[in-house]
Amino acid sequence: MRTKETLESIVIWFKISKIYNENIKESNHLLKEYGLSSAQFDVLAQIGVGKEITQSELSEKLLATKGNISQLIVSMENKDYVTRRQEWKNKYVSLTPKGIEMYNELVPMVEAFQTETFGILDEEERQELLRLLRKVERKIK
């Protein structure tokens, strides 16, 4: 027999999954209009304007293998969004002027979408939600 705690936990899991999936679907729809995958957007957002990052750092930030990052960067080089340079053993990635333009246009749109999504919560509710999610996150790490 399921306990009340178990049932509530399952409902929470389903709600979080539903919110996540809908949010990703809407985000991907927006990104598709710009010809980018969510992984490519993540690279764009992580590098940022005026920054340079090593491929290893990018791999760590995106929780991806170095091989996957390398393929991703090649696809973005082909679109002229990023450029690479090597300094001894380190491979650095930065945005091209076209990549900066895309960053400046797209990142604020995605941020606005997320602000609108979670804007139904007041500041106290957002802080509480973050506190609770961090508490659960510590448990699963």
Protein backbone atom coordinates (compact mmCIF):
# COMPACT_ATOMS: atom_id res chain seq x y z
CA MET A 1 0.00 0.00 0.00
CA ARG A 2 1.32 3.42 -0.96
CA THR A 3 1.78 5.99 1.73
CA LYS A 4 0.64 9.58 1.50
CA GLU A 5 4.32 10.60 1.31
CA THR A 6 4.88 8.25 -1.66
CA LEU A 7 1.82 9.53 -3.52
CA GLU A 8 2.77 13.16 -2.92
CA SER A 9 6.34 12.45 -4.03
CA ILE A 10 5.09 10.89 -7.27
CA VAL A 11 2.79 13.84 -7.95
CA ILE A 12 5.68 16.28 -7.32
CA TRP A 13 7.88 14.30 -9.70
CA PHE A 14 5.18 14.32 -12.40
CA LYS A 15 4.56 18.06 -11.96
CA ILE A 16 8.26 18.90 -12.19
CA SER A 17 8.61 16.64 -15.25
CA LYS A 18 5.60 18.22 -16.95
CA ILE A 19 6.83 21.77 -16.30
CA TYR A 20 10.33 20.86 -17.50
CA ASN A 21 9.10 19.13 -20.66
CA GLU A 22 6.74 21.97 -21.61
CA ASN A 23 9.43 24.56 -20.93
CA ILE A 24 11.96 22.67 -23.06
CA LYS A 25 9.41 22.24 -25.85
CA GLU A 26 8.68 25.98 -25.94
CA SER A 27 12.38 26.88 -25.69
CA ASN A 28 13.25 24.48 -28.52
CA HIS A 29 10.49 25.96 -30.66
CA LEU A 30 12.04 29.41 -30.23
CA LEU A 31 15.56 28.11 -30.91
CA LYS A 32 14.40 26.25 -34.01
CA GLU A 33 13.25 29.55 -35.50
CA TYR A 34 16.91 30.61 -35.30
CA GLY A 35 18.26 27.32 -36.62
CA LEU A 36 19.85 26.31 -33.33
CA SER A 37 19.56 23.21 -31.19
CA SER A 38 19.33 23.54 -27.43
CA ALA A 39 22.91 22.22 -27.18
CA GLN A 40 24.14 24.91 -29.58
CA PHE A 41 22.29 27.57 -27.59
CA ASP A 42 23.93 26.28 -24.41
CA VAL A 43 27.35 26.73 -26.03
CA LEU A 44 26.42 30.25 -27.15
CA ALA A 45 25.16 31.17 -23.68
CA GLN A 46 28.13 29.65 -21.85
CA ILE A 47 30.73 31.38 -23.97
CA GLY A 48 28.95 34.73 -23.82
CA VAL A 49 30.01 38.01 -25.33
CA GLY A 50 33.65 38.92 -25.13
CA LYS A 51 34.60 35.73 -23.36
CA GLU A 52 36.91 32.95 -24.27
CA ILE A 53 36.67 29.51 -22.74
CA THR A 54 38.62 26.30 -23.13
CA GLN A 55 36.88 23.31 -24.63
CA SER A 56 37.54 21.45 -21.37
CA GLU A 57 35.83 24.16 -19.32
CA LEU A 58 32.90 24.13 -21.74
CA SER A 59 32.67 20.36 -21.44
CA GLU A 60 32.51 20.62 -17.64
CA LYS A 61 29.92 23.40 -17.66
CA LEU A 62 27.65 21.55 -20.08
CA LEU A 63 28.23 18.13 -18.51
CA ALA A 64 29.18 16.71 -21.89
CA THR A 65 32.05 14.59 -23.11
CA LYS A 66 34.96 16.29 -24.82
CA GLY A 67 34.08 14.40 -28.00
CA ASN A 68 30.52 15.70 -27.97
CA ILE A 69 31.73 19.24 -27.30
CA SER A 70 34.17 18.97 -30.17
CA GLN A 71 31.40 17.90 -32.59
CA LEU A 72 29.15 20.66 -31.29
CA ILE A 73 31.84 23.27 -31.79
CA VAL A 74 32.51 22.07 -35.34
CA SER A 75 28.80 22.47 -36.15
CA MET A 76 28.86 25.99 -34.72
CA GLU A 77 32.05 26.85 -36.59
CA ASN A 78 30.30 25.78 -39.77
CA LYS A 79 27.55 28.32 -38.98
CA ASP A 80 30.24 30.94 -38.22
CA TYR A 81 29.09 31.40 -34.61
CA VAL A 82 32.32 30.35 -32.90
CA THR A 83 35.99 30.27 -33.61
CA ARG A 84 38.72 28.16 -32.05
CA ARG A 85 42.36 28.77 -31.40
CA GLN A 86 44.95 26.55 -29.82
CA GLU A 87 47.59 27.67 -27.36
CA TRP A 88 49.90 24.82 -26.56
CA LYS A 89 47.60 22.04 -25.22
CA ASN A 90 44.58 24.27 -24.60
CA LYS A 91 41.91 24.80 -27.23
CA TYR A 92 40.00 28.05 -26.74
CA VAL A 93 36.56 28.85 -28.09
CA SER A 94 35.04 32.31 -28.52
CA LEU A 95 32.13 33.87 -30.36
CA THR A 96 32.58 35.36 -33.81
CA PRO A 97 30.89 38.67 -34.66
CA LYS A 98 27.98 36.64 -36.07
CA GLY A 99 27.89 34.60 -32.85
CA ILE A 100 27.86 37.78 -30.76
CA GLU A 101 24.97 39.09 -32.84
CA MET A 102 23.05 35.83 -32.29
CA TYR A 103 23.87 35.91 -28.57
CA ASN A 104 22.68 39.52 -28.23
CA GLU A 105 19.42 38.72 -29.99
CA LEU A 106 18.58 35.30 -28.65
CA VAL A 107 19.77 35.23 -25.03
CA PRO A 108 17.51 38.14 -23.96
CA MET A 109 14.55 36.40 -25.66
CA VAL A 110 15.18 33.15 -23.78
CA GLU A 111 15.69 35.05 -20.53
CA ALA A 112 12.41 36.93 -21.11
CA PHE A 113 10.62 33.63 -21.74
CA GLN A 114 11.92 32.18 -18.48
CA THR A 115 11.09 35.38 -16.59
CA GLU A 116 7.56 35.28 -17.98
CA THR A 117 7.20 31.60 -17.08
CA PHE A 118 8.30 32.01 -13.47
CA GLY A 119 7.04 35.59 -13.15
CA ILE A 120 3.74 34.31 -11.79
CA LEU A 121 5.62 33.71 -8.54
CA ASP A 122 6.45 36.66 -6.35
CA GLU A 123 10.01 37.11 -5.05
CA GLU A 124 9.36 35.26 -1.81
CA GLU A 125 7.83 32.30 -3.68
CA ARG A 126 10.74 32.14 -6.14
CA GLN A 127 13.23 32.14 -3.25
CA GLU A 128 11.29 29.41 -1.48
CA LEU A 129 11.08 27.32 -4.65
CA LEU A 130 14.82 27.69 -5.18
CA ARG A 131 15.49 26.74 -1.56
CA LEU A 132 13.34 23.61 -1.86
CA LEU A 133 14.80 22.57 -5.21
CA ARG A 134 18.34 22.97 -3.87
CA LYS A 135 17.44 20.82 -0.88
CA VAL A 136 16.17 18.04 -3.17
CA GLU A 137 19.17 18.51 -5.46
CA ARG A 138 21.59 17.90 -2.57
CA LYS A 139 19.83 14.59 -1.89
CA ILE A 140 20.19 13.30 -5.45
CA LYS A 141 23.84 14.30 -5.91
